[in-house]
Protein backbone atom coordinates (compact mmCIF):
# COMPACT_ATOMS: atom_id res chain seq x y z
CA UNK A 1 -11.51 -11.26 22.68
CA UNK A 2 -8.18 -10.17 23.78
CA UNK A 3 -8.12 -6.52 25.75
CA UNK A 4 -5.16 -3.94 26.35
CA UNK A 5 -5.37 -0.68 27.48
CA UNK A 6 -4.04 2.30 26.44
CA UNK A 7 -1.61 5.09 28.09
CA UNK A 8 -2.10 5.17 31.91
CA UNK A 9 -4.89 2.69 31.55
CA UNK A 10 -5.45 -0.45 33.65
CA UNK A 11 -7.96 -2.90 32.93
CA UNK A 12 -8.81 -4.86 37.14
CA UNK A 13 -11.18 -7.75 37.91
CA UNK A 14 -13.48 -6.87 41.05
CA UNK A 15 -12.22 -9.38 44.12
CA UNK A 16 -15.52 -11.06 44.72
CA UNK A 17 -16.25 -9.48 48.85
CA UNK A 18 -17.41 -11.59 51.86
CA UNK A 19 -21.40 -13.32 51.80
CA UNK A 20 -21.40 -13.64 55.35
CA UNK A 21 -20.82 -11.26 58.30
CA UNK A 22 -18.95 -12.11 61.19
CA UNK A 23 -21.60 -13.34 63.06
CA UNK A 24 -23.21 -15.59 60.00
CA UNK A 25 -25.11 -13.76 58.46
CA UNK A 26 -25.45 -14.06 54.51
CA UNK A 27 -25.54 -11.08 52.64
CA UNK A 28 -27.83 -11.33 49.36
CA UNK A 29 -26.57 -9.89 46.10
CA UNK A 30 -29.45 -7.19 46.14
CA UNK A 31 -27.80 -6.04 49.60
CA UNK A 32 -24.11 -6.15 48.40
CA UNK A 33 -21.95 -3.08 47.57
CA UNK A 34 -19.78 -3.66 44.88
CA UNK A 35 -15.91 -4.29 46.04
CA UNK A 36 -13.21 -1.79 46.08
CA UNK A 37 -10.59 -4.30 45.72
CA UNK A 38 -9.42 -5.96 42.23
CA UNK A 39 -6.82 -7.49 40.28
CA UNK A 40 -5.05 -6.10 37.45
CA UNK A 41 -5.20 -8.00 34.37
CA UNK A 42 -4.10 -5.99 32.31
CA UNK A 43 -1.96 -2.60 31.32
CA UNK A 44 -1.11 -0.05 29.80
CA UNK A 45 2.90 0.96 28.56
CA UNK A 46 2.25 4.39 30.75
CA UNK A 47 2.31 8.03 30.32
CA UNK A 48 4.17 10.57 28.39
CA UNK A 49 6.06 13.96 30.68
CA UNK A 50 6.01 17.15 29.00
CA UNK A 51 9.01 16.43 27.79
CA UNK A 52 7.24 13.91 25.98
CA UNK A 53 9.22 10.61 27.86
CA UNK A 54 6.98 7.35 28.31
CA UNK A 55 6.55 6.91 31.89
CA UNK A 56 5.45 3.34 33.42
CA UNK A 57 3.65 2.31 35.28
CA UNK A 58 3.72 1.20 39.56
CA UNK A 59 0.72 -1.04 38.99
CA UNK A 60 1.91 -4.38 37.23
CA UNK A 61 -0.38 -7.58 35.61
CA UNK A 62 -1.48 -9.11 39.07
CA UNK A 63 -1.42 -6.61 41.22
CA UNK A 64 -4.10 -6.32 44.17
CA UNK A 65 -5.04 -2.68 44.42
CA UNK A 66 -8.07 -0.09 45.93
CA UNK A 67 -9.68 2.34 43.90
CA UNK A 68 -12.58 4.56 44.26
CA UNK A 69 -15.98 3.40 45.10
CA UNK A 70 -17.22 5.86 42.29
CA UNK A 71 -13.60 5.38 39.82
CA UNK A 72 -13.54 4.06 36.12
CA UNK A 73 -15.30 2.57 33.71
CA UNK A 74 -17.61 -0.23 33.95
CA UNK A 75 -17.24 -3.06 29.98
CA UNK A 76 -18.01 -7.13 29.38
CA UNK A 77 -15.65 -8.53 28.06
CA UNK A 78 -16.50 -12.27 27.16
CA UNK A 79 -18.91 -12.41 29.50
CA UNK A 80 -17.03 -11.10 32.16
CA UNK A 81 -18.46 -7.23 34.33
CA UNK A 82 -14.64 -5.49 34.47
CA UNK A 83 -13.33 -2.48 34.79
CA UNK A 84 -11.20 0.10 33.37
CA UNK A 85 -9.25 3.20 35.53
CA UNK A 86 -6.19 5.10 35.16
CA UNK A 87 -3.55 4.28 37.10
CA UNK A 88 -4.65 7.70 39.07
CA UNK A 89 -7.70 6.12 39.53
CA UNK A 90 -6.03 3.61 42.45
CA UNK A 91 -5.58 4.28 46.13
CA UNK A 92 -3.34 1.58 46.77
CA UNK A 93 -2.01 -2.12 46.42
CA UNK A 94 -2.81 -4.08 48.32
CA UNK A 95 0.99 -6.79 49.38
CA UNK A 96 -0.16 -10.43 50.72
CA UNK A 97 1.77 -11.00 53.89
CA UNK A 98 3.80 -14.32 53.60
CA UNK A 99 3.71 -16.87 56.94
CA UNK A 100 7.63 -15.74 57.17
CA UNK A 101 6.19 -12.34 57.65
CA UNK A 102 3.36 -12.68 60.30
CA UNK A 103 5.66 -15.16 62.10
CA UNK A 104 8.17 -12.11 63.10
């Protein structure tokens, strides 16, 4: 199934969290909290401002984002658990730090 969010909504796939603590203890699924980090897999065209002009989203497909614990609506598409969020629910975009930037 193909899904296209409307307006300023985005479709996010949660990124799985660590299954072990720093001390090496394995955390069972029932004790894990749902991750608050995900990858944008689809995005709407944007919202309209008061003048009726289309304002594009700040996030794009492929961005890794951080969102609130209780944000969005959980849905299941093709057996996969996904999350629909409004762009306002996104707290920020996580940028991958390249090897060159770490060395500097």
